[in-house]
Amino acid sequence: MDIFLFLIMAIEDADPKGFADDIAIGMINFNTLTYLSPIIKDFGFATGLKININKTKLLATSSVSPITINELNNIVDGTEWAGLEFTDRYKYLGILIGNNITRQDLFAGPFSKFQKRISSMMHLKYKFSLTKRILICNIILLTILGYHYQFCYIDNITLLQIESLLWSFLSSPIKYFSLK
């Protein structure tokens, strides 16, 4: 993959980023795709790695007009890029990227998973001491949000919902004793 990224960096307009077998390439001009084609083809021939065109998307950083889409179709017609689609958002390495992505959008997936996990554990909370419930929160529940948290802070709305769910899991009914 390092050699591949190095070859792509030789193209003036291409700005590649990669991890494992995933790659993202920033470019200003769609014509850059024509320069990328032979490099990608040769790399695929040498390594057996191919582009999955169904998972490959063009993500514009500004609005895209129908004229621009027609221009792109003319450039990619007859190449392995034929069928390439525009999208306004895409999940890359587990992180939602695109135009107008809010922090709430970014955390929607992990928060949903967090909600399901804490809901499935709610009936068990009375079997654990407060200390163990705190450990469960820190080790099992909050780590669900950790990967995304590396990229940005959790939005206030989601944070309040997380806080409410955690308090609900950590709290237990107060037992009053009579001194009669």
N, C-alpha and C. Protein backbone atom coordinates (compact mmCIF):
# COMPACT_ATOMS: atom_id res chain seq x y z
N MET A 1 0.82 -1.19 0.00
CA MET A 1 0.00 0.00 0.00
C MET A 1 0.87 1.26 0.00
N ASP A 2 2.02 1.23 0.70
CA ASP A 2 2.89 2.41 0.74
C ASP A 2 3.39 2.77 -0.66
N ILE A 3 3.76 1.77 -1.45
CA ILE A 3 4.23 2.04 -2.81
C ILE A 3 3.10 2.66 -3.62
N PHE A 4 1.91 2.12 -3.46
CA PHE A 4 0.74 2.62 -4.18
C PHE A 4 0.50 4.09 -3.85
N LEU A 5 0.52 4.43 -2.55
CA LEU A 5 0.31 5.82 -2.13
C LEU A 5 1.42 6.72 -2.67
N PHE A 6 2.64 6.20 -2.68
CA PHE A 6 3.77 6.96 -3.22
C PHE A 6 3.56 7.27 -4.71
N LEU A 7 3.10 6.27 -5.47
CA LEU A 7 2.86 6.48 -6.89
C LEU A 7 1.75 7.51 -7.13
N ILE A 8 0.72 7.44 -6.33
CA ILE A 8 -0.39 8.39 -6.48
C ILE A 8 0.06 9.80 -6.11
N MET A 9 0.93 9.91 -5.11
CA MET A 9 1.41 11.24 -4.71
C MET A 9 2.19 11.92 -5.83
N ALA A 10 2.68 11.15 -6.78
CA ALA A 10 3.41 11.72 -7.91
C ALA A 10 2.49 12.53 -8.82
N ILE A 11 1.18 12.26 -8.74
CA ILE A 11 0.21 13.03 -9.53
C ILE A 11 -0.05 14.33 -8.77
N GLU A 12 0.15 15.44 -9.45
CA GLU A 12 0.12 16.74 -8.80
C GLU A 12 -1.17 17.03 -8.02
N ASP A 13 -2.30 16.67 -8.55
CA ASP A 13 -3.58 17.02 -7.94
C ASP A 13 -4.09 15.98 -6.94
N ALA A 14 -3.41 14.85 -6.81
CA ALA A 14 -3.91 13.77 -5.95
C ALA A 14 -3.31 13.86 -4.55
N ASP A 15 -4.16 13.71 -3.55
CA ASP A 15 -3.73 13.73 -2.15
C ASP A 15 -4.27 12.46 -1.48
N PRO A 16 -3.51 11.35 -1.54
CA PRO A 16 -4.02 10.08 -1.03
C PRO A 16 -3.83 9.92 0.47
N LYS A 17 -4.78 9.23 1.09
CA LYS A 17 -4.70 8.81 2.48
C LYS A 17 -5.13 7.36 2.50
N GLY A 18 -4.41 6.55 3.23
CA GLY A 18 -4.77 5.14 3.22
C GLY A 18 -4.55 4.46 4.55
N PHE A 19 -5.28 3.39 4.77
CA PHE A 19 -5.11 2.54 5.94
C PHE A 19 -5.52 1.14 5.53
N ALA A 20 -4.63 0.18 5.75
CA ALA A 20 -4.86 -1.21 5.37
C ALA A 20 -5.23 -1.26 3.88
N ASP A 21 -6.40 -1.77 3.55
CA ASP A 21 -6.78 -1.85 2.13
C ASP A 21 -7.77 -0.77 1.72
N ASP A 22 -7.93 0.25 2.55
CA ASP A 22 -8.83 1.37 2.24
C ASP A 22 -8.00 2.59 1.86
N ILE A 23 -8.48 3.30 0.86
CA ILE A 23 -7.78 4.50 0.42
C ILE A 23 -8.79 5.60 0.10
N ALA A 24 -8.41 6.81 0.42
CA ALA A 24 -9.19 7.99 0.05
C ALA A 24 -8.24 8.91 -0.69
N ILE A 25 -8.69 9.46 -1.80
CA ILE A 25 -7.85 10.33 -2.60
C ILE A 25 -8.56 11.66 -2.79
N GLY A 26 -7.93 12.70 -2.32
CA GLY A 26 -8.46 14.05 -2.53
C GLY A 26 -7.96 14.58 -3.86
N MET A 27 -8.81 15.28 -4.56
CA MET A 27 -8.42 15.89 -5.84
C MET A 27 -9.29 17.11 -6.11
N ILE A 28 -8.75 18.03 -6.85
CA ILE A 28 -9.47 19.25 -7.20
C ILE A 28 -10.18 19.09 -8.54
N ASN A 29 -9.57 18.35 -9.45
CA ASN A 29 -10.06 18.23 -10.81
C ASN A 29 -10.41 16.78 -11.13
N PHE A 30 -11.58 16.55 -11.70
CA PHE A 30 -12.00 15.18 -12.04
C PHE A 30 -11.09 14.52 -13.08
N ASN A 31 -10.41 15.32 -13.88
CA ASN A 31 -9.49 14.76 -14.88
C ASN A 31 -8.37 13.96 -14.23
N THR A 32 -8.12 14.20 -12.95
CA THR A 32 -7.11 13.44 -12.22
C THR A 32 -7.43 11.94 -12.26
N LEU A 33 -8.71 11.61 -12.37
CA LEU A 33 -9.10 10.19 -12.45
C LEU A 33 -8.45 9.50 -13.65
N THR A 34 -8.29 10.22 -14.74
CA THR A 34 -7.67 9.61 -15.93
C THR A 34 -6.20 9.29 -15.67
N TYR A 35 -5.52 10.10 -14.87
CA TYR A 35 -4.12 9.84 -14.52
C TYR A 35 -4.00 8.70 -13.50
N LEU A 36 -5.01 8.58 -12.66
CA LEU A 36 -5.00 7.53 -11.64
C LEU A 36 -5.24 6.14 -12.25
N SER A 37 -6.03 6.08 -13.31
CA SER A 37 -6.43 4.80 -13.88
C SER A 37 -5.27 3.86 -14.17
N PRO A 38 -4.21 4.27 -14.92
CA PRO A 38 -3.14 3.33 -15.19
C PRO A 38 -2.38 2.89 -13.94
N ILE A 39 -2.21 3.78 -12.99
CA ILE A 39 -1.51 3.42 -11.74
C ILE A 39 -2.31 2.38 -10.99
N ILE A 40 -3.61 2.60 -10.87
CA ILE A 40 -4.46 1.66 -10.14
C ILE A 40 -4.54 0.33 -10.87
N LYS A 41 -4.62 0.38 -12.20
CA LYS A 41 -4.66 -0.84 -13.00
C LYS A 41 -3.37 -1.66 -12.82
N ASP A 42 -2.22 -1.00 -12.92
CA ASP A 42 -0.93 -1.69 -12.77
C ASP A 42 -0.76 -2.24 -11.35
N PHE A 43 -1.16 -1.45 -10.36
CA PHE A 43 -1.06 -1.91 -8.97
C PHE A 43 -1.94 -3.13 -8.76
N GLY A 44 -3.14 -3.10 -9.31
CA GLY A 44 -4.05 -4.24 -9.19
C GLY A 44 -3.49 -5.48 -9.88
N PHE A 45 -2.88 -5.30 -11.03
CA PHE A 45 -2.28 -6.42 -11.76
C PHE A 45 -1.14 -7.04 -10.95
N ALA A 46 -0.32 -6.18 -10.32
CA ALA A 46 0.84 -6.65 -9.56
C ALA A 46 0.47 -7.30 -8.23
N THR A 47 -0.60 -6.82 -7.60
CA THR A 47 -0.93 -7.28 -6.25
C THR A 47 -2.20 -8.13 -6.17
N GLY A 48 -3.02 -8.06 -7.18
CA GLY A 48 -4.30 -8.77 -7.11
C GLY A 48 -5.39 -7.96 -6.41
N LEU A 49 -5.05 -6.77 -5.94
CA LEU A 49 -6.03 -5.91 -5.29
C LEU A 49 -6.76 -5.08 -6.34
N LYS A 50 -8.05 -5.07 -6.25
CA LYS A 50 -8.87 -4.35 -7.25
C LYS A 50 -9.78 -3.35 -6.53
N ILE A 51 -10.24 -2.39 -7.29
CA ILE A 51 -11.21 -1.43 -6.78
C ILE A 51 -12.59 -2.05 -6.81
N ASN A 52 -13.29 -1.96 -5.70
CA ASN A 52 -14.69 -2.38 -5.66
C ASN A 52 -15.51 -1.14 -6.02
N ILE A 53 -15.90 -1.04 -7.27
CA ILE A 53 -16.58 0.16 -7.76
C ILE A 53 -17.90 0.40 -7.02
N ASN A 54 -18.51 -0.68 -6.49
CA ASN A 54 -19.77 -0.52 -5.73
C ASN A 54 -19.53 0.21 -4.40
N LYS A 55 -18.33 0.11 -3.85
CA LYS A 55 -18.01 0.79 -2.60
C LYS A 55 -17.23 2.08 -2.83
N THR A 56 -16.95 2.41 -4.08
CA THR A 56 -16.18 3.59 -4.41
C THR A 56 -17.14 4.73 -4.74
N LYS A 57 -16.96 5.84 -4.07
CA LYS A 57 -17.86 6.99 -4.26
C LYS A 57 -17.04 8.25 -4.45
N LEU A 58 -17.64 9.21 -5.11
CA LEU A 58 -17.07 10.55 -5.19
C LEU A 58 -17.82 11.42 -4.19
N LEU A 59 -17.07 11.99 -3.31
CA LEU A 59 -17.64 12.83 -2.27
C LEU A 59 -17.17 14.25 -2.52
N ALA A 60 -18.08 15.11 -2.91
CA ALA A 60 -17.73 16.50 -3.19
C ALA A 60 -17.73 17.30 -1.89
N THR A 61 -16.82 18.26 -1.83
CA THR A 61 -16.77 19.11 -0.64
C THR A 61 -17.62 20.36 -0.78
N SER A 62 -18.26 20.50 -1.92
CA SER A 62 -19.22 21.59 -2.12
C SER A 62 -20.35 21.04 -2.98
N SER A 63 -21.39 21.83 -3.20
CA SER A 63 -22.52 21.32 -3.96
C SER A 63 -22.10 20.98 -5.39
N VAL A 64 -22.74 19.96 -5.94
CA VAL A 64 -22.39 19.47 -7.27
C VAL A 64 -23.58 19.70 -8.20
N SER A 65 -23.32 20.38 -9.30
CA SER A 65 -24.38 20.67 -10.25
C SER A 65 -24.56 19.51 -11.23
N PRO A 66 -25.73 19.42 -11.88
CA PRO A 66 -25.93 18.39 -12.90
C PRO A 66 -24.90 18.48 -14.03
N ILE A 67 -24.44 19.70 -14.34
CA ILE A 67 -23.43 19.87 -15.39
C ILE A 67 -22.13 19.18 -14.97
N THR A 68 -21.76 19.32 -13.71
CA THR A 68 -20.55 18.68 -13.19
C THR A 68 -20.68 17.16 -13.26
N ILE A 69 -21.83 16.64 -12.94
CA ILE A 69 -22.05 15.19 -13.00
C ILE A 69 -21.93 14.71 -14.44
N ASN A 70 -22.48 15.44 -15.40
CA ASN A 70 -22.32 15.08 -16.82
C ASN A 70 -20.86 15.13 -17.24
N GLU A 71 -20.12 16.15 -16.78
CA GLU A 71 -18.70 16.27 -17.08
C GLU A 71 -17.94 15.05 -16.56
N LEU A 72 -18.26 14.65 -15.34
CA LEU A 72 -17.61 13.46 -14.75
C LEU A 72 -17.94 12.22 -15.57
N ASN A 73 -19.20 12.05 -15.93
CA ASN A 73 -19.60 10.87 -16.71
C ASN A 73 -18.84 10.80 -18.03
N ASN A 74 -18.59 11.94 -18.66
CA ASN A 74 -17.81 11.97 -19.91
C ASN A 74 -16.36 11.54 -19.66
N ILE A 75 -15.81 11.94 -18.53
CA ILE A 75 -14.42 11.59 -18.21
C ILE A 75 -14.27 10.10 -17.93
N VAL A 76 -15.21 9.52 -17.17
CA VAL A 76 -15.06 8.13 -16.74
C VAL A 76 -15.66 7.11 -17.70
N ASP A 77 -16.43 7.57 -18.67
CA ASP A 77 -17.07 6.66 -19.61
C ASP A 77 -16.02 5.79 -20.31
N GLY A 78 -16.23 4.49 -20.28
CA GLY A 78 -15.30 3.57 -20.92
C GLY A 78 -14.09 3.22 -20.08
N THR A 79 -14.02 3.68 -18.84
CA THR A 79 -12.91 3.32 -17.95
C THR A 79 -13.46 2.45 -16.82
N GLU A 80 -12.54 1.97 -15.97
CA GLU A 80 -12.99 1.18 -14.82
C GLU A 80 -13.74 2.03 -13.81
N TRP A 81 -13.73 3.35 -14.01
CA TRP A 81 -14.45 4.27 -13.14
C TRP A 81 -15.92 4.44 -13.57
N ALA A 82 -16.30 3.86 -14.69
CA ALA A 82 -17.69 3.99 -15.16
C ALA A 82 -18.64 3.50 -14.07
N GLY A 83 -19.68 4.25 -13.84
CA GLY A 83 -20.63 3.90 -12.79
C GLY A 83 -20.32 4.54 -11.45
N LEU A 84 -19.24 5.31 -11.39
CA LEU A 84 -18.88 6.01 -10.16
C LEU A 84 -19.98 6.99 -9.79
N GLU A 85 -20.38 6.98 -8.52
CA GLU A 85 -21.50 7.81 -8.08
C GLU A 85 -21.04 8.93 -7.16
N PHE A 86 -21.78 10.04 -7.22
CA PHE A 86 -21.60 11.12 -6.26
C PHE A 86 -22.40 10.78 -5.01
N THR A 87 -21.89 11.19 -3.87
CA THR A 87 -22.64 11.07 -2.63
C THR A 87 -22.31 12.30 -1.78
N ASP A 88 -23.20 12.66 -0.87
CA ASP A 88 -22.92 13.81 -0.02
C ASP A 88 -22.35 13.39 1.33
N ARG A 89 -22.37 12.07 1.61
CA ARG A 89 -21.78 11.54 2.84
C ARG A 89 -21.41 10.09 2.62
N TYR A 90 -20.40 9.66 3.35
CA TYR A 90 -19.92 8.29 3.20
C TYR A 90 -19.19 7.88 4.48
N LYS A 91 -19.26 6.63 4.82
CA LYS A 91 -18.56 6.13 5.99
C LYS A 91 -17.21 5.58 5.53
N TYR A 92 -16.14 6.22 5.99
CA TYR A 92 -14.78 5.82 5.65
C TYR A 92 -14.05 5.46 6.94
N LEU A 93 -13.57 4.22 7.00
CA LEU A 93 -12.91 3.70 8.20
C LEU A 93 -13.80 3.89 9.44
N GLY A 94 -15.10 3.70 9.24
CA GLY A 94 -16.04 3.77 10.35
C GLY A 94 -16.49 5.17 10.74
N ILE A 95 -15.98 6.18 10.06
CA ILE A 95 -16.32 7.57 10.39
C ILE A 95 -17.11 8.17 9.24
N LEU A 96 -18.25 8.76 9.57
CA LEU A 96 -19.08 9.42 8.58
C LEU A 96 -18.40 10.72 8.15
N ILE A 97 -18.19 10.89 6.84
CA ILE A 97 -17.57 12.10 6.32
C ILE A 97 -18.47 12.69 5.25
N GLY A 98 -18.30 13.98 4.98
CA GLY A 98 -19.07 14.61 3.92
C GLY A 98 -19.46 16.02 4.26
N ASN A 99 -20.29 16.56 3.38
CA ASN A 99 -20.79 17.92 3.56
C ASN A 99 -21.83 17.98 4.67
N ASN A 100 -21.76 19.02 5.45
CA ASN A 100 -22.78 19.30 6.46
C ASN A 100 -23.00 18.15 7.44
N ILE A 101 -21.95 17.42 7.77
CA ILE A 101 -22.05 16.38 8.80
C ILE A 101 -21.94 17.08 10.14
N THR A 102 -22.91 16.83 11.00
CA THR A 102 -22.87 17.41 12.33
C THR A 102 -22.24 16.41 13.29
N ARG A 103 -21.88 16.89 14.47
CA ARG A 103 -21.35 15.97 15.48
C ARG A 103 -22.43 14.96 15.88
N GLN A 104 -23.68 15.38 15.85
CA GLN A 104 -24.78 14.47 16.17
C GLN A 104 -24.87 13.36 15.10
N ASP A 105 -24.68 13.73 13.83
CA ASP A 105 -24.64 12.72 12.76
C ASP A 105 -23.49 11.74 12.98
N LEU A 106 -22.33 12.29 13.33
CA LEU A 106 -21.14 11.47 13.51
C LEU A 106 -21.31 10.45 14.63
N PHE A 107 -21.99 10.84 15.71
CA PHE A 107 -22.17 9.96 16.85
C PHE A 107 -23.47 9.16 16.82
N ALA A 108 -24.28 9.33 15.79
CA ALA A 108 -25.57 8.62 15.73
C ALA A 108 -25.40 7.11 15.79
N GLY A 109 -24.49 6.56 15.01
CA GLY A 109 -24.27 5.11 14.99
C GLY A 109 -23.76 4.58 16.32
N PRO A 110 -22.66 5.14 16.85
CA PRO A 110 -22.17 4.67 18.14
C PRO A 110 -23.17 4.89 19.28
N PHE A 111 -23.90 6.01 19.24
CA PHE A 111 -24.88 6.26 20.30
C PHE A 111 -26.00 5.23 20.24
N SER A 112 -26.44 4.87 19.06
CA SER A 112 -27.48 3.84 18.92
C SER A 112 -27.00 2.52 19.52
N LYS A 113 -25.76 2.17 19.23
CA LYS A 113 -25.17 0.94 19.79
C LYS A 113 -25.07 1.04 21.31
N PHE A 114 -24.68 2.22 21.81
CA PHE A 114 -24.60 2.47 23.24
C PHE A 114 -25.98 2.28 23.90
N GLN A 115 -27.01 2.88 23.28
CA GLN A 115 -28.38 2.76 23.81
C GLN A 115 -28.82 1.30 23.89
N LYS A 116 -28.57 0.55 22.83
CA LYS A 116 -28.98 -0.86 22.82
C LYS A 116 -28.25 -1.64 23.90
N ARG A 117 -26.94 -1.38 24.03
CA ARG A 117 -26.15 -2.12 25.01
C ARG A 117 -26.59 -1.80 26.43
N ILE A 118 -26.78 -0.52 26.75
CA ILE A 118 -27.16 -0.16 28.11
C ILE A 118 -28.59 -0.62 28.42
N SER A 119 -29.46 -0.58 27.41
CA SER A 119 -30.83 -1.07 27.61
C SER A 119 -30.84 -2.57 27.91
N SER A 120 -29.98 -3.30 27.22
CA SER A 120 -29.94 -4.75 27.44
C SER A 120 -29.35 -5.11 28.81
N MET A 121 -28.64 -4.18 29.43
CA MET A 121 -28.02 -4.43 30.73
C MET A 121 -28.81 -3.86 31.90
N MET A 122 -29.82 -3.04 31.60
CA MET A 122 -30.55 -2.33 32.65
C MET A 122 -31.16 -3.29 33.68
N HIS A 123 -31.69 -4.42 33.22
CA HIS A 123 -32.34 -5.35 34.17
C HIS A 123 -31.31 -6.07 35.06
N LEU A 124 -30.05 -5.98 34.71
CA LEU A 124 -29.01 -6.64 35.51
C LEU A 124 -28.37 -5.71 36.54
N LYS A 125 -28.69 -4.44 36.48
CA LYS A 125 -27.96 -3.48 37.30
C LYS A 125 -28.04 -3.77 38.80
N TYR A 126 -29.13 -4.34 39.27
CA TYR A 126 -29.27 -4.60 40.71
C TYR A 126 -28.44 -5.79 41.17
N LYS A 127 -27.89 -6.53 40.24
CA LYS A 127 -27.04 -7.67 40.59
C LYS A 127 -25.60 -7.22 40.87
N PHE A 128 -25.29 -5.95 40.55
CA PHE A 128 -23.93 -5.46 40.71
C PHE A 128 -23.89 -4.33 41.72
N SER A 129 -22.79 -4.26 42.44
CA SER A 129 -22.58 -3.14 43.35
C SER A 129 -22.36 -1.87 42.52
N LEU A 130 -22.41 -0.74 43.17
CA LEU A 130 -22.17 0.53 42.48
C LEU A 130 -20.78 0.53 41.85
N THR A 131 -19.81 0.02 42.56
CA THR A 131 -18.43 -0.03 42.05
C THR A 131 -18.37 -0.84 40.75
N LYS A 132 -19.04 -1.97 40.73
CA LYS A 132 -19.03 -2.81 39.52
C LYS A 132 -19.82 -2.15 38.39
N ARG A 133 -20.89 -1.45 38.72
CA ARG A 133 -21.64 -0.74 37.67
C ARG A 133 -20.79 0.37 37.05
N ILE A 134 -19.99 1.04 37.86
CA ILE A 134 -19.09 2.07 37.35
C ILE A 134 -18.06 1.43 36.42
N LEU A 135 -17.53 0.28 36.81
CA LEU A 135 -16.59 -0.44 35.94
C LEU A 135 -17.24 -0.84 34.62
N ILE A 136 -18.47 -1.33 34.70
CA ILE A 136 -19.21 -1.71 33.49
C ILE A 136 -19.37 -0.49 32.57
N CYS A 137 -19.71 0.65 33.15
CA CYS A 137 -19.85 1.88 32.35
C CYS A 137 -18.54 2.25 31.68
N ASN A 138 -17.46 2.21 32.44
CA ASN A 138 -16.16 2.64 31.90
C ASN A 138 -15.56 1.66 30.91
N ILE A 139 -15.77 0.37 31.12
CA ILE A 139 -15.12 -0.64 30.29
C ILE A 139 -16.00 -1.12 29.14
N ILE A 140 -17.27 -1.32 29.41
CA ILE A 140 -18.15 -1.93 28.40
C ILE A 140 -18.98 -0.89 27.64
N LEU A 141 -19.47 0.12 28.33
CA LEU A 141 -20.42 1.04 27.69
C LEU A 141 -19.75 2.24 27.03
N LEU A 142 -18.96 2.98 27.77
CA LEU A 142 -18.40 4.22 27.23
C LEU A 142 -17.35 3.98 26.13
N THR A 143 -16.74 2.82 26.13
CA THR A 143 -15.74 2.53 25.10
C THR A 143 -16.36 2.45 23.71
N ILE A 144 -17.67 2.21 23.64
CA ILE A 144 -18.38 2.19 22.35
C ILE A 144 -18.21 3.52 21.62
N LEU A 145 -18.12 4.60 22.39
CA LEU A 145 -18.02 5.95 21.82
C LEU A 145 -16.58 6.39 21.60
N GLY A 146 -15.62 5.63 22.11
CA GLY A 146 -14.23 6.05 22.13
C GLY A 146 -13.58 6.29 20.79
N TYR A 147 -13.82 5.43 19.83
CA TYR A 147 -13.18 5.59 18.51
C TYR A 147 -13.59 6.91 17.87
N HIS A 148 -14.87 7.19 17.88
CA HIS A 148 -15.37 8.43 17.27
C HIS A 148 -14.93 9.66 18.06
N TYR A 149 -14.79 9.47 19.35
CA TYR A 149 -14.41 10.59 20.22
C TYR A 149 -13.01 11.10 19.90
N GLN A 150 -12.19 10.28 19.25
CA GLN A 150 -10.85 10.71 18.83
C GLN A 150 -10.92 11.84 17.80
N PHE A 151 -12.03 11.90 17.08
CA PHE A 151 -12.13 12.83 15.95
C PHE A 151 -12.85 14.13 16.30
N CYS A 152 -13.76 14.08 17.24
CA CYS A 152 -14.43 15.31 17.68
C CYS A 152 -15.18 15.05 18.98
N TYR A 153 -15.57 16.14 19.61
CA TYR A 153 -16.33 16.04 20.85
C TYR A 153 -17.76 15.60 20.55
N ILE A 154 -18.37 14.97 21.54
CA ILE A 154 -19.77 14.56 21.43
C ILE A 154 -20.63 15.82 21.54
N ASP A 155 -21.65 15.90 20.71
CA ASP A 155 -22.55 17.06 20.75
C ASP A 155 -23.33 17.07 22.06
N ASN A 156 -23.81 18.25 22.43
CA ASN A 156 -24.48 18.42 23.73
C ASN A 156 -25.75 17.59 23.87
N ILE A 157 -26.53 17.49 22.79
CA ILE A 157 -27.78 16.73 22.87
C ILE A 157 -27.48 15.26 23.16
N THR A 158 -26.56 14.68 22.41
CA THR A 158 -26.20 13.28 22.62
C THR A 158 -25.57 13.10 24.00
N LEU A 159 -24.73 14.04 24.40
CA LEU A 159 -24.08 13.96 25.70
C LEU A 159 -25.10 13.93 26.84
N LEU A 160 -26.13 14.75 26.74
CA LEU A 160 -27.18 14.76 27.77
C LEU A 160 -27.94 13.42 27.81
N GLN A 161 -28.17 12.84 26.63
CA GLN A 161 -28.84 11.54 26.58
C GLN A 161 -27.96 10.45 27.18
N ILE A 162 -26.67 10.51 26.89
CA ILE A 162 -25.73 9.53 27.47
C ILE A 162 -25.72 9.67 28.99
N GLU A 163 -25.63 10.91 29.46
CA GLU A 163 -25.61 11.17 30.89
C GLU A 163 -26.86 10.63 31.57
N SER A 164 -28.01 10.85 30.96
CA SER A 164 -29.27 10.38 31.53
C SER A 164 -29.30 8.85 31.62
N LEU A 165 -28.86 8.19 30.56
CA LEU A 165 -28.83 6.73 30.56
C LEU A 165 -27.84 6.19 31.60
N LEU A 166 -26.69 6.83 31.71
CA LEU A 166 -25.70 6.39 32.70
C LEU A 166 -26.22 6.56 34.12
N TRP A 167 -26.85 7.71 34.39
CA TRP A 167 -27.41 7.93 35.74
C TRP A 167 -28.47 6.88 36.05
N SER A 168 -29.25 6.56 35.07
CA SER A 168 -30.29 5.56 35.25
C SER A 168 -29.68 4.19 35.57
N PHE A 169 -28.58 3.87 34.88
CA PHE A 169 -27.91 2.59 35.12
C PHE A 169 -27.19 2.57 36.47
N LEU A 170 -26.60 3.70 36.84
CA LEU A 170 -25.82 3.75 38.07
C LEU A 170 -26.67 3.89 39.32
N SER A 171 -27.82 4.50 39.19
CA SER A 171 -28.65 4.73 40.38
C SER A 171 -29.41 3.46 40.77
N SER A 172 -29.71 3.42 42.03
CA SER A 172 -30.54 2.31 42.52
C SER A 172 -31.55 2.92 43.47
N PRO A 173 -32.64 2.20 43.69
CA PRO A 173 -33.66 2.77 44.57
C PRO A 173 -33.10 3.03 45.97
N ILE A 174 -33.51 4.14 46.52
CA ILE A 174 -33.07 4.46 47.89
C ILE A 174 -33.90 3.64 48.85
N LYS A 175 -33.21 2.99 49.76
CA LYS A 175 -33.89 2.17 50.76
C LYS A 175 -33.96 2.97 52.07
N TYR A 176 -35.18 3.17 52.53
CA TYR A 176 -35.36 3.88 53.78
C TYR A 176 -35.59 2.87 54.89
N PHE A 177 -34.96 3.13 56.01
CA PHE A 177 -35.12 2.24 57.14
C PHE A 177 -35.89 2.97 58.24
N SER A 178 -36.75 2.26 58.85
CA SER A 178 -37.52 2.84 59.95
C SER A 178 -36.78 2.54 61.26
N LEU A 179 -36.73 3.53 62.12
CA LEU A 179 -36.05 3.37 63.41
C LEU A 179 -37.05 3.18 64.55
N LYS A 180 -38.11 2.50 64.34
CA LYS A 180 -39.12 2.31 65.38
C LYS A 180 -38.73 1.26 66.36
